[in-house]
Amino acid sequence: MEVARGKLLSWAVQLEWCDPEEERWVWVVRYDTAGGRGHQDRNRIAAHEAVPLPGDPSRALKWAQDDLRQQAQRYIEEYRAAKAPGGEEK
């Protein structure tokens, strides 16, 4: 998080998963404000995907954290499917 004078300017939050095949932690989904706009990046699936984040940076960060908590298993399964032979790799 980047904070100036008590105001949240930019942030990033990501879901990581310990991939048993690679025997290491990999990032699966990341939300951040790089480039000035909040967006989602998905490892092997999509880069800079627009999502309906709240305009207020603090609310957007909370929304992203909540989404990662609630959808973690789905995101991991979609990552695993994309990583599998014949899956989409980007």
Protein backbone atom coordinates (compact mmCIF):
# COMPACT_ATOMS: atom_id res chain seq x y z
CA MET A 1 0.00 0.00 0.00
CA GLU A 2 1.11 3.53 -0.70
CA VAL A 3 -0.27 6.06 1.77
CA ALA A 4 0.31 9.80 1.84
CA ARG A 5 -0.97 12.04 4.63
CA GLY A 6 -3.30 9.27 5.77
CA LYS A 7 -4.84 8.77 2.32
CA LEU A 8 -4.53 5.47 0.46
CA LEU A 9 -3.08 6.22 -2.98
CA SER A 10 -2.32 2.81 -4.43
CA TRP A 11 -2.40 -0.81 -3.36
CA ALA A 12 -1.95 -4.43 -4.39
CA VAL A 13 -3.29 -7.67 -2.92
CA GLN A 14 -2.80 -11.17 -4.27
CA LEU A 15 -3.74 -14.79 -3.73
CA GLU A 16 -0.80 -17.20 -3.65
CA TRP A 17 -0.96 -20.97 -3.64
CA CYS A 18 1.68 -23.61 -2.93
CA ASP A 19 1.75 -25.55 -6.18
CA PRO A 20 2.60 -29.16 -5.34
CA GLU A 21 3.86 -29.85 -8.88
CA GLU A 22 6.28 -26.93 -8.84
CA GLU A 23 7.01 -27.27 -5.12
CA ARG A 24 6.83 -23.51 -4.65
CA TRP A 25 4.39 -20.68 -4.01
CA VAL A 26 2.87 -19.14 -7.15
CA TRP A 27 0.64 -16.13 -7.52
CA VAL A 28 -2.82 -17.01 -8.81
CA VAL A 29 -4.79 -13.74 -8.80
CA ARG A 30 -3.71 -10.19 -8.07
CA TYR A 31 -5.70 -6.97 -7.75
CA ASP A 32 -3.76 -3.73 -7.95
CA THR A 33 -3.89 -0.11 -9.01
CA ALA A 34 -0.78 -0.11 -11.23
CA GLY A 35 -1.37 2.20 -14.14
CA GLY A 36 -3.78 4.30 -12.11
CA ARG A 37 -6.84 2.05 -12.40
CA GLY A 38 -7.85 -0.88 -10.25
CA HIS A 39 -7.80 -4.16 -12.13
CA GLN A 40 -7.32 -7.90 -11.79
CA ASP A 41 -4.46 -10.00 -13.18
CA ARG A 42 -4.81 -13.79 -13.34
CA ASN A 43 -1.72 -15.93 -13.73
CA ARG A 44 -1.93 -17.88 -17.03
CA ILE A 45 -5.44 -16.56 -17.69
CA ALA A 46 -5.76 -12.77 -18.10
CA ALA A 47 -3.71 -9.63 -17.60
CA HIS A 48 -5.24 -6.29 -16.63
CA GLU A 49 -8.82 -7.52 -16.62
CA ALA A 50 -11.28 -4.75 -15.83
CA VAL A 51 -13.42 -5.44 -12.77
CA PRO A 52 -16.15 -3.32 -11.14
CA LEU A 53 -14.10 -2.03 -8.19
CA PRO A 54 -15.49 0.77 -6.01
CA GLY A 55 -14.03 4.19 -6.85
CA ASP A 56 -12.76 4.84 -3.33
CA PRO A 57 -9.32 3.16 -2.96
CA SER A 58 -10.00 1.95 0.59
CA ARG A 59 -13.31 0.38 -0.39
CA ALA A 60 -11.76 -1.11 -3.53
CA LEU A 61 -8.99 -2.73 -1.48
CA LYS A 62 -11.52 -4.24 0.94
CA TRP A 63 -13.65 -5.46 -1.98
CA ALA A 64 -10.61 -7.14 -3.57
CA GLN A 65 -9.57 -8.78 -0.29
CA ASP A 66 -13.10 -10.09 0.25
CA ASP A 67 -13.28 -11.42 -3.31
CA LEU A 68 -10.00 -13.31 -2.92
CA ARG A 69 -11.18 -14.84 0.35
CA GLN A 70 -14.56 -15.88 -1.05
CA GLN A 71 -13.37 -17.09 -4.46
CA ALA A 72 -9.94 -18.54 -3.55
CA GLN A 73 -10.79 -22.16 -4.34
CA ARG A 74 -12.39 -21.26 -7.68
CA TYR A 75 -9.40 -19.13 -8.70
CA ILE A 76 -6.98 -21.93 -7.76
CA GLU A 77 -8.95 -24.51 -9.75
CA GLU A 78 -9.10 -22.21 -12.79
CA TYR A 79 -5.34 -21.62 -12.51
CA ARG A 80 -4.72 -25.38 -12.33
CA ALA A 81 -6.90 -25.96 -15.40
CA ALA A 82 -5.08 -23.25 -17.36
CA LYS A 83 -1.73 -24.71 -16.32
CA ALA A 84 -2.64 -28.25 -17.39
CA PRO A 85 -1.55 -29.51 -20.82
CA GLY A 86 -3.84 -27.91 -23.38
CA GLY A 87 -4.82 -25.13 -20.96
CA GLU A 88 -4.54 -21.47 -21.89
CA GLU A 89 -1.20 -19.97 -20.94
CA LYS A 90 -0.68 -16.23 -21.29
